[in-house]
């Protein structure tokens, strides 16, 4: 797996969420930091099922990634993770995360 340069992930989150407003940007940055420390390839240390920047459960990720317009979603693609989290935020699903 190729890790992005330091700082690229928070910057990408900020740019991606920007059109939803400052509160959305703050939420995206806060949740990704809390859930994974901005590490896109981590699995939950407790159950091993939740994965990625936003610690998605795979079925949740794939269903919402497709709804977000990602044609061939890849749970390990950190850009897909960010766009899926943005989509879920945009439809009011912020409560899906404990770190919200």
Protein backbone atom coordinates (compact mmCIF):
# COMPACT_ATOMS: atom_id res chain seq x y z
CA UNK A 1 0.00 0.00 0.00
CA UNK A 2 1.22 3.44 -0.85
CA UNK A 3 0.82 6.00 1.91
CA UNK A 4 0.12 9.58 0.88
CA UNK A 5 2.59 12.27 1.96
CA UNK A 6 2.08 13.66 5.45
CA UNK A 7 -0.60 16.33 5.46
CA UNK A 8 -2.14 15.30 2.15
CA UNK A 9 -5.10 13.52 3.76
CA UNK A 10 -6.24 16.40 6.01
CA UNK A 11 -5.84 18.78 3.08
CA UNK A 12 -7.89 16.50 0.82
CA UNK A 13 -10.62 16.18 3.46
CA UNK A 14 -10.78 19.97 3.84
CA UNK A 15 -11.01 20.52 0.07
CA UNK A 16 -13.57 17.75 -0.43
CA UNK A 17 -15.88 18.88 2.38
CA UNK A 18 -15.46 22.63 1.69
CA UNK A 19 -18.61 23.01 -0.40
CA UNK A 20 -20.67 21.75 2.57
CA UNK A 21 -19.35 24.55 4.81
CA UNK A 22 -16.86 25.09 7.61
CA UNK A 23 -18.79 22.91 10.07
CA UNK A 24 -18.59 19.98 7.63
CA UNK A 25 -14.86 20.50 7.13
CA UNK A 26 -14.32 20.54 10.89
CA UNK A 27 -16.42 17.39 11.26
CA UNK A 28 -14.53 15.50 8.53
CA UNK A 29 -11.14 16.41 9.96
CA UNK A 30 -12.19 15.65 13.54
CA UNK A 31 -13.74 12.27 12.75
CA UNK A 32 -10.87 11.05 10.55
CA UNK A 33 -8.33 12.08 13.20
CA UNK A 34 -10.32 10.47 16.02
CA UNK A 35 -11.18 7.26 14.16
CA UNK A 36 -7.83 6.54 12.53
CA UNK A 37 -5.31 9.28 13.21
CA UNK A 38 -5.52 9.98 9.44
CA UNK A 39 -4.25 6.45 8.71
CA UNK A 40 -6.15 5.20 5.64
CA UNK A 41 -5.19 1.53 5.91
CA UNK A 42 -6.01 0.68 9.53
CA UNK A 43 -8.45 -1.90 10.81
CA UNK A 44 -10.24 -1.58 14.13
CA UNK A 45 -8.02 -3.04 16.82
CA UNK A 46 -11.03 -4.39 18.73
CA UNK A 47 -12.99 -6.26 16.09
CA UNK A 48 -10.90 -5.94 12.92
CA UNK A 49 -13.99 -5.23 10.86
CA UNK A 50 -14.09 -1.42 10.71
CA UNK A 51 -11.53 -0.07 8.26
CA UNK A 52 -9.92 3.07 6.90
CA UNK A 53 -9.84 6.76 7.75
CA UNK A 54 -13.43 6.85 8.94
CA UNK A 55 -13.52 3.24 10.22
CA UNK A 56 -16.26 2.09 7.88
CA UNK A 57 -17.90 -1.26 8.25
CA UNK A 58 -17.52 -2.77 4.76
CA UNK A 59 -21.26 -3.11 3.93
CA UNK A 60 -21.89 0.49 5.01
CA UNK A 61 -18.98 1.73 2.94
CA UNK A 62 -19.90 -0.10 -0.26
CA UNK A 63 -23.60 0.81 -0.14
CA UNK A 64 -22.91 4.49 0.51
CA UNK A 65 -19.96 4.74 -1.88
CA UNK A 66 -22.21 3.58 -4.69
CA UNK A 67 -24.90 6.06 -3.67
CA UNK A 68 -22.19 8.74 -3.66
CA UNK A 69 -21.51 7.98 -7.32
CA UNK A 70 -18.31 5.97 -6.98
CA UNK A 71 -18.57 3.44 -9.81
CA UNK A 72 -16.13 0.82 -8.52
CA UNK A 73 -15.67 1.55 -4.80
CA UNK A 74 -12.49 0.37 -3.12
CA UNK A 75 -12.52 0.39 0.68
CA UNK A 76 -8.73 0.80 0.72
CA UNK A 77 -8.77 3.84 -1.57
CA UNK A 78 -8.53 6.73 0.86
CA UNK A 79 -10.09 9.16 -1.62
CA UNK A 80 -13.11 6.88 -1.89
CA UNK A 81 -13.27 6.83 1.91
CA UNK A 82 -13.33 10.64 2.05
CA UNK A 83 -16.00 10.99 -0.64
CA UNK A 84 -18.16 8.35 1.02
CA UNK A 85 -17.90 10.08 4.40
CA UNK A 86 -18.78 13.39 2.72
CA UNK A 87 -21.83 11.82 1.11
CA UNK A 88 -22.97 10.36 4.43
CA UNK A 89 -22.48 13.72 6.12
CA UNK A 90 -24.46 15.44 3.37
CA UNK A 91 -27.48 13.22 4.01
CA UNK A 92 -27.36 13.67 7.79
CA UNK A 93 -25.62 10.44 8.78
CA UNK A 94 -23.01 12.02 11.08
CA UNK A 95 -24.38 10.06 14.05
CA UNK A 96 -23.01 6.87 12.48
CA UNK A 97 -19.70 7.82 14.13
CA UNK A 98 -18.92 7.89 17.83
CA UNK A 99 -16.27 10.53 17.20
CA UNK A 100 -18.76 12.95 15.68
